[in-house]
Amino acid sequence: MDIQQQIDQVVRENDLVLFMKGTPDFPQCGFSGRAVQILTTLGTPFVGVNVLDSDEIREGIKVFSNWPTIPQLYVKGEFIGGSDILMEMYETGELQDLLAPASVDDT
């Protein structure tokens, strides 16, 4: 399985995935930290994928999404955006609507 298939599998198998630098408990950059803080504030469980663990993943996720920066949030298989987009969506309430329990399920 190549890296694109691996990334696709992670995105499809989890309702909420954050590709980030570091882990949810120990973010390794300010942008990843802000994304974790937003998701934690909303109380939404998510899977964190540390791109620093693998150059293949770090470069592969940029190709997968056609987005040059990390972090990257996926909700139900759909690429949502990076830290700035999450912050903007959070401030307008759009992110809360997207992550409402009716739309994101833990199953």
N, C-alpha and C. Protein backbone atom coordinates (compact mmCIF):
# COMPACT_ATOMS: atom_id res chain seq x y z
N MET A 1 0.86 -1.19 0.00
CA MET A 1 0.00 0.00 0.00
C MET A 1 0.90 1.24 0.00
N ASP A 2 0.68 2.14 -0.95
CA ASP A 2 1.50 3.35 -0.99
C ASP A 2 0.98 4.39 0.00
N ILE A 3 1.72 5.47 0.15
CA ILE A 3 1.39 6.47 1.17
C ILE A 3 0.04 7.12 0.92
N GLN A 4 -0.32 7.35 -0.34
CA GLN A 4 -1.61 7.96 -0.64
C GLN A 4 -2.75 7.03 -0.22
N GLN A 5 -2.58 5.75 -0.43
CA GLN A 5 -3.60 4.78 -0.01
C GLN A 5 -3.68 4.73 1.52
N GLN A 6 -2.53 4.80 2.18
CA GLN A 6 -2.52 4.78 3.65
C GLN A 6 -3.24 6.01 4.21
N ILE A 7 -2.96 7.17 3.64
CA ILE A 7 -3.61 8.40 4.10
C ILE A 7 -5.11 8.31 3.85
N ASP A 8 -5.49 7.86 2.67
CA ASP A 8 -6.90 7.71 2.32
C ASP A 8 -7.61 6.79 3.30
N GLN A 9 -6.96 5.71 3.67
CA GLN A 9 -7.55 4.76 4.61
C GLN A 9 -7.78 5.40 5.98
N VAL A 10 -6.81 6.15 6.49
CA VAL A 10 -6.95 6.83 7.78
C VAL A 10 -8.10 7.83 7.73
N VAL A 11 -8.17 8.58 6.64
CA VAL A 11 -9.21 9.61 6.48
C VAL A 11 -10.60 8.97 6.39
N ARG A 12 -10.70 7.84 5.69
CA ARG A 12 -11.99 7.18 5.52
C ARG A 12 -12.45 6.45 6.80
N GLU A 13 -11.50 5.93 7.57
CA GLU A 13 -11.85 5.11 8.73
C GLU A 13 -12.15 5.92 9.99
N ASN A 14 -11.87 7.22 9.97
CA ASN A 14 -12.07 8.06 11.15
C ASN A 14 -12.89 9.29 10.78
N ASP A 15 -13.91 9.59 11.60
CA ASP A 15 -14.77 10.74 11.32
C ASP A 15 -14.01 12.07 11.37
N LEU A 16 -13.06 12.16 12.29
CA LEU A 16 -12.34 13.42 12.49
C LEU A 16 -10.85 13.12 12.61
N VAL A 17 -10.07 13.62 11.64
CA VAL A 17 -8.62 13.36 11.63
C VAL A 17 -7.90 14.69 11.47
N LEU A 18 -6.91 14.90 12.34
CA LEU A 18 -6.06 16.08 12.24
C LEU A 18 -4.63 15.62 11.95
N PHE A 19 -4.15 15.92 10.74
CA PHE A 19 -2.74 15.70 10.42
C PHE A 19 -2.01 16.91 10.96
N MET A 20 -1.05 16.66 11.86
CA MET A 20 -0.46 17.76 12.61
C MET A 20 1.01 17.50 12.90
N LYS A 21 1.70 18.54 13.35
CA LYS A 21 3.06 18.40 13.82
C LYS A 21 3.00 18.15 15.31
N GLY A 22 3.40 16.94 15.72
CA GLY A 22 3.30 16.55 17.11
C GLY A 22 2.06 15.71 17.34
N THR A 23 1.67 15.63 18.60
CA THR A 23 0.50 14.85 18.99
C THR A 23 -0.52 15.77 19.67
N PRO A 24 -1.77 15.30 19.81
CA PRO A 24 -2.76 16.14 20.51
C PRO A 24 -2.30 16.53 21.91
N ASP A 25 -1.56 15.65 22.59
CA ASP A 25 -1.08 15.97 23.94
C ASP A 25 0.17 16.84 23.93
N PHE A 26 0.90 16.83 22.82
CA PHE A 26 2.15 17.60 22.75
C PHE A 26 2.37 18.14 21.33
N PRO A 27 1.58 19.16 20.94
CA PRO A 27 1.76 19.75 19.61
C PRO A 27 3.17 20.33 19.46
N GLN A 28 3.74 20.22 18.27
CA GLN A 28 5.11 20.66 18.02
C GLN A 28 5.20 21.97 17.24
N CYS A 29 4.06 22.61 16.98
CA CYS A 29 4.09 23.94 16.37
C CYS A 29 2.84 24.70 16.81
N GLY A 30 2.91 26.00 16.72
CA GLY A 30 1.80 26.84 17.18
C GLY A 30 0.51 26.60 16.41
N PHE A 31 0.61 26.38 15.11
CA PHE A 31 -0.59 26.17 14.30
C PHE A 31 -1.28 24.86 14.68
N SER A 32 -0.48 23.81 14.87
CA SER A 32 -1.06 22.53 15.30
C SER A 32 -1.66 22.68 16.70
N GLY A 33 -0.97 23.41 17.56
CA GLY A 33 -1.48 23.64 18.91
C GLY A 33 -2.81 24.37 18.90
N ARG A 34 -2.94 25.36 18.02
CA ARG A 34 -4.19 26.11 17.93
C ARG A 34 -5.32 25.20 17.43
N ALA A 35 -5.03 24.36 16.44
CA ALA A 35 -6.05 23.44 15.92
C ALA A 35 -6.50 22.47 17.01
N VAL A 36 -5.56 21.93 17.77
CA VAL A 36 -5.90 21.02 18.87
C VAL A 36 -6.74 21.75 19.91
N GLN A 37 -6.36 22.98 20.24
CA GLN A 37 -7.09 23.75 21.24
C GLN A 37 -8.54 23.99 20.81
N ILE A 38 -8.75 24.30 19.54
CA ILE A 38 -10.10 24.52 19.03
C ILE A 38 -10.93 23.24 19.15
N LEU A 39 -10.36 22.12 18.68
CA LEU A 39 -11.10 20.85 18.72
C LEU A 39 -11.36 20.41 20.15
N THR A 40 -10.38 20.61 21.03
CA THR A 40 -10.54 20.23 22.44
C THR A 40 -11.60 21.10 23.11
N THR A 41 -11.60 22.39 22.80
CA THR A 41 -12.60 23.30 23.35
C THR A 41 -14.01 22.85 22.98
N LEU A 42 -14.15 22.34 21.76
CA LEU A 42 -15.46 21.87 21.30
C LEU A 42 -15.82 20.49 21.85
N GLY A 43 -14.85 19.83 22.49
CA GLY A 43 -15.12 18.53 23.09
C GLY A 43 -15.34 17.43 22.07
N THR A 44 -14.79 17.60 20.88
CA THR A 44 -14.98 16.62 19.82
C THR A 44 -13.79 15.68 19.77
N PRO A 45 -14.02 14.37 19.96
CA PRO A 45 -12.90 13.43 19.86
C PRO A 45 -12.35 13.40 18.43
N PHE A 46 -11.03 13.31 18.31
CA PHE A 46 -10.42 13.26 16.99
C PHE A 46 -9.16 12.41 17.04
N VAL A 47 -8.74 11.96 15.86
CA VAL A 47 -7.50 11.21 15.72
C VAL A 47 -6.43 12.19 15.26
N GLY A 48 -5.32 12.21 15.96
CA GLY A 48 -4.19 13.04 15.56
C GLY A 48 -3.13 12.18 14.89
N VAL A 49 -2.66 12.62 13.73
CA VAL A 49 -1.60 11.92 13.01
C VAL A 49 -0.38 12.83 12.99
N ASN A 50 0.70 12.37 13.62
CA ASN A 50 1.91 13.16 13.74
C ASN A 50 2.73 13.04 12.45
N VAL A 51 2.75 14.09 11.64
CA VAL A 51 3.49 14.06 10.38
C VAL A 51 5.00 14.09 10.59
N LEU A 52 5.43 14.43 11.80
CA LEU A 52 6.87 14.45 12.08
C LEU A 52 7.43 13.04 12.23
N ASP A 53 6.55 12.06 12.37
CA ASP A 53 7.00 10.67 12.48
C ASP A 53 7.48 10.11 11.15
N SER A 54 7.09 10.75 10.05
CA SER A 54 7.40 10.18 8.74
C SER A 54 7.46 11.27 7.67
N ASP A 55 8.60 11.36 6.99
CA ASP A 55 8.71 12.29 5.86
C ASP A 55 7.69 11.94 4.79
N GLU A 56 7.44 10.64 4.62
CA GLU A 56 6.48 10.18 3.61
C GLU A 56 5.09 10.74 3.89
N ILE A 57 4.67 10.67 5.15
CA ILE A 57 3.35 11.20 5.52
C ILE A 57 3.35 12.72 5.40
N ARG A 58 4.41 13.36 5.88
CA ARG A 58 4.47 14.83 5.86
C ARG A 58 4.35 15.36 4.43
N GLU A 59 5.03 14.75 3.49
CA GLU A 59 4.94 15.19 2.10
C GLU A 59 3.69 14.64 1.42
N GLY A 60 3.32 13.41 1.78
CA GLY A 60 2.18 12.75 1.16
C GLY A 60 0.86 13.45 1.43
N ILE A 61 0.69 13.99 2.65
CA ILE A 61 -0.58 14.64 2.99
C ILE A 61 -0.75 15.93 2.19
N LYS A 62 0.36 16.59 1.87
CA LYS A 62 0.29 17.82 1.07
C LYS A 62 -0.18 17.50 -0.36
N VAL A 63 0.27 16.37 -0.87
CA VAL A 63 -0.16 15.93 -2.21
C VAL A 63 -1.61 15.47 -2.15
N PHE A 64 -1.95 14.70 -1.10
CA PHE A 64 -3.29 14.14 -0.95
C PHE A 64 -4.35 15.24 -0.97
N SER A 65 -4.09 16.32 -0.25
CA SER A 65 -5.07 17.40 -0.12
C SER A 65 -4.87 18.53 -1.13
N ASN A 66 -3.70 18.51 -1.79
CA ASN A 66 -3.32 19.63 -2.64
C ASN A 66 -3.31 20.93 -1.82
N TRP A 67 -2.82 20.81 -0.59
CA TRP A 67 -2.75 21.93 0.36
C TRP A 67 -1.33 21.95 0.93
N PRO A 68 -0.62 23.07 0.90
CA PRO A 68 0.82 23.07 1.20
C PRO A 68 1.20 23.07 2.68
N THR A 69 0.25 23.31 3.56
CA THR A 69 0.63 23.48 4.97
C THR A 69 -0.03 22.44 5.87
N ILE A 70 0.54 22.34 7.06
CA ILE A 70 0.05 21.45 8.11
C ILE A 70 -0.15 22.33 9.33
N PRO A 71 -1.21 22.16 10.08
CA PRO A 71 -2.12 21.02 10.16
C PRO A 71 -3.20 21.02 9.07
N GLN A 72 -3.82 19.86 8.95
CA GLN A 72 -4.93 19.68 8.02
C GLN A 72 -6.01 18.86 8.73
N LEU A 73 -7.25 19.37 8.68
CA LEU A 73 -8.37 18.68 9.32
C LEU A 73 -9.27 18.05 8.26
N TYR A 74 -9.65 16.80 8.52
CA TYR A 74 -10.60 16.07 7.68
C TYR A 74 -11.79 15.68 8.53
N VAL A 75 -12.99 15.94 8.02
CA VAL A 75 -14.22 15.56 8.70
C VAL A 75 -15.00 14.67 7.75
N LYS A 76 -15.23 13.43 8.21
CA LYS A 76 -15.95 12.44 7.40
C LYS A 76 -15.40 12.35 5.99
N GLY A 77 -14.08 12.29 5.89
CA GLY A 77 -13.41 12.11 4.62
C GLY A 77 -13.20 13.37 3.81
N GLU A 78 -13.75 14.50 4.27
CA GLU A 78 -13.65 15.75 3.51
C GLU A 78 -12.58 16.66 4.13
N PHE A 79 -11.70 17.17 3.27
CA PHE A 79 -10.68 18.12 3.73
C PHE A 79 -11.36 19.44 4.07
N ILE A 80 -11.14 19.91 5.30
CA ILE A 80 -11.75 21.16 5.77
C ILE A 80 -10.78 22.32 5.64
N GLY A 81 -9.54 22.14 6.09
CA GLY A 81 -8.57 23.22 5.98
C GLY A 81 -7.53 23.14 7.08
N GLY A 82 -6.76 24.20 7.17
CA GLY A 82 -5.70 24.31 8.17
C GLY A 82 -6.12 25.16 9.35
N SER A 83 -5.14 25.56 10.11
CA SER A 83 -5.36 26.27 11.37
C SER A 83 -6.15 27.58 11.19
N ASP A 84 -5.77 28.38 10.20
CA ASP A 84 -6.46 29.66 10.00
C ASP A 84 -7.92 29.45 9.62
N ILE A 85 -8.17 28.48 8.76
CA ILE A 85 -9.56 28.20 8.35
C ILE A 85 -10.36 27.68 9.54
N LEU A 86 -9.75 26.81 10.35
CA LEU A 86 -10.45 26.30 11.55
C LEU A 86 -10.81 27.45 12.48
N MET A 87 -9.87 28.37 12.69
CA MET A 87 -10.11 29.50 13.59
C MET A 87 -11.25 30.36 13.05
N GLU A 88 -11.23 30.63 11.75
CA GLU A 88 -12.28 31.44 11.15
C GLU A 88 -13.64 30.73 11.27
N MET A 89 -13.66 29.43 11.00
CA MET A 89 -14.92 28.67 11.10
C MET A 89 -15.40 28.62 12.55
N TYR A 90 -14.46 28.50 13.50
CA TYR A 90 -14.81 28.46 14.92
C TYR A 90 -15.44 29.80 15.33
N GLU A 91 -14.83 30.89 14.90
CA GLU A 91 -15.31 32.22 15.29
C GLU A 91 -16.70 32.52 14.73
N THR A 92 -17.02 31.97 13.56
CA THR A 92 -18.34 32.22 12.95
C THR A 92 -19.39 31.21 13.39
N GLY A 93 -18.95 30.13 14.08
CA GLY A 93 -19.88 29.09 14.51
C GLY A 93 -20.06 27.99 13.48
N GLU A 94 -19.45 28.16 12.32
CA GLU A 94 -19.58 27.16 11.25
C GLU A 94 -18.96 25.82 11.66
N LEU A 95 -17.84 25.86 12.36
CA LEU A 95 -17.18 24.63 12.78
C LEU A 95 -18.04 23.87 13.80
N GLN A 96 -18.65 24.60 14.72
CA GLN A 96 -19.53 23.96 15.71
C GLN A 96 -20.68 23.25 15.00
N ASP A 97 -21.25 23.88 13.99
CA ASP A 97 -22.34 23.26 13.24
C ASP A 97 -21.85 22.01 12.52
N LEU A 98 -20.67 22.10 11.92
CA LEU A 98 -20.10 20.97 11.19
C LEU A 98 -19.82 19.79 12.12
N LEU A 99 -19.38 20.09 13.33
CA LEU A 99 -18.99 19.03 14.27
C LEU A 99 -20.08 18.67 15.27
N ALA A 100 -21.28 19.17 15.06
CA ALA A 100 -22.39 18.86 15.96
C ALA A 100 -22.57 17.34 16.04
N PRO A 101 -22.99 16.84 17.18
CA PRO A 101 -23.10 15.38 17.37
C PRO A 101 -23.92 14.69 16.26
N ALA A 102 -24.87 15.38 15.68
CA ALA A 102 -25.68 14.77 14.62
C ALA A 102 -24.85 14.52 13.36
N SER A 103 -23.79 15.33 13.15
CA SER A 103 -23.03 15.18 11.90
C SER A 103 -21.77 14.35 12.08
N VAL A 104 -21.19 14.31 13.27
CA VAL A 104 -19.99 13.52 13.53
C VAL A 104 -20.33 12.47 14.57
N ASP A 105 -20.09 11.23 14.23
CA ASP A 105 -20.44 10.11 15.10
C ASP A 105 -19.14 9.38 15.47
N ASP A 106 -19.09 8.81 16.66
CA ASP A 106 -17.90 8.07 17.10
C ASP A 106 -17.84 6.65 16.55
N THR A 107 -18.83 6.24 15.81
CA THR A 107 -18.84 4.85 15.34
C THR A 107 -18.01 4.67 14.10
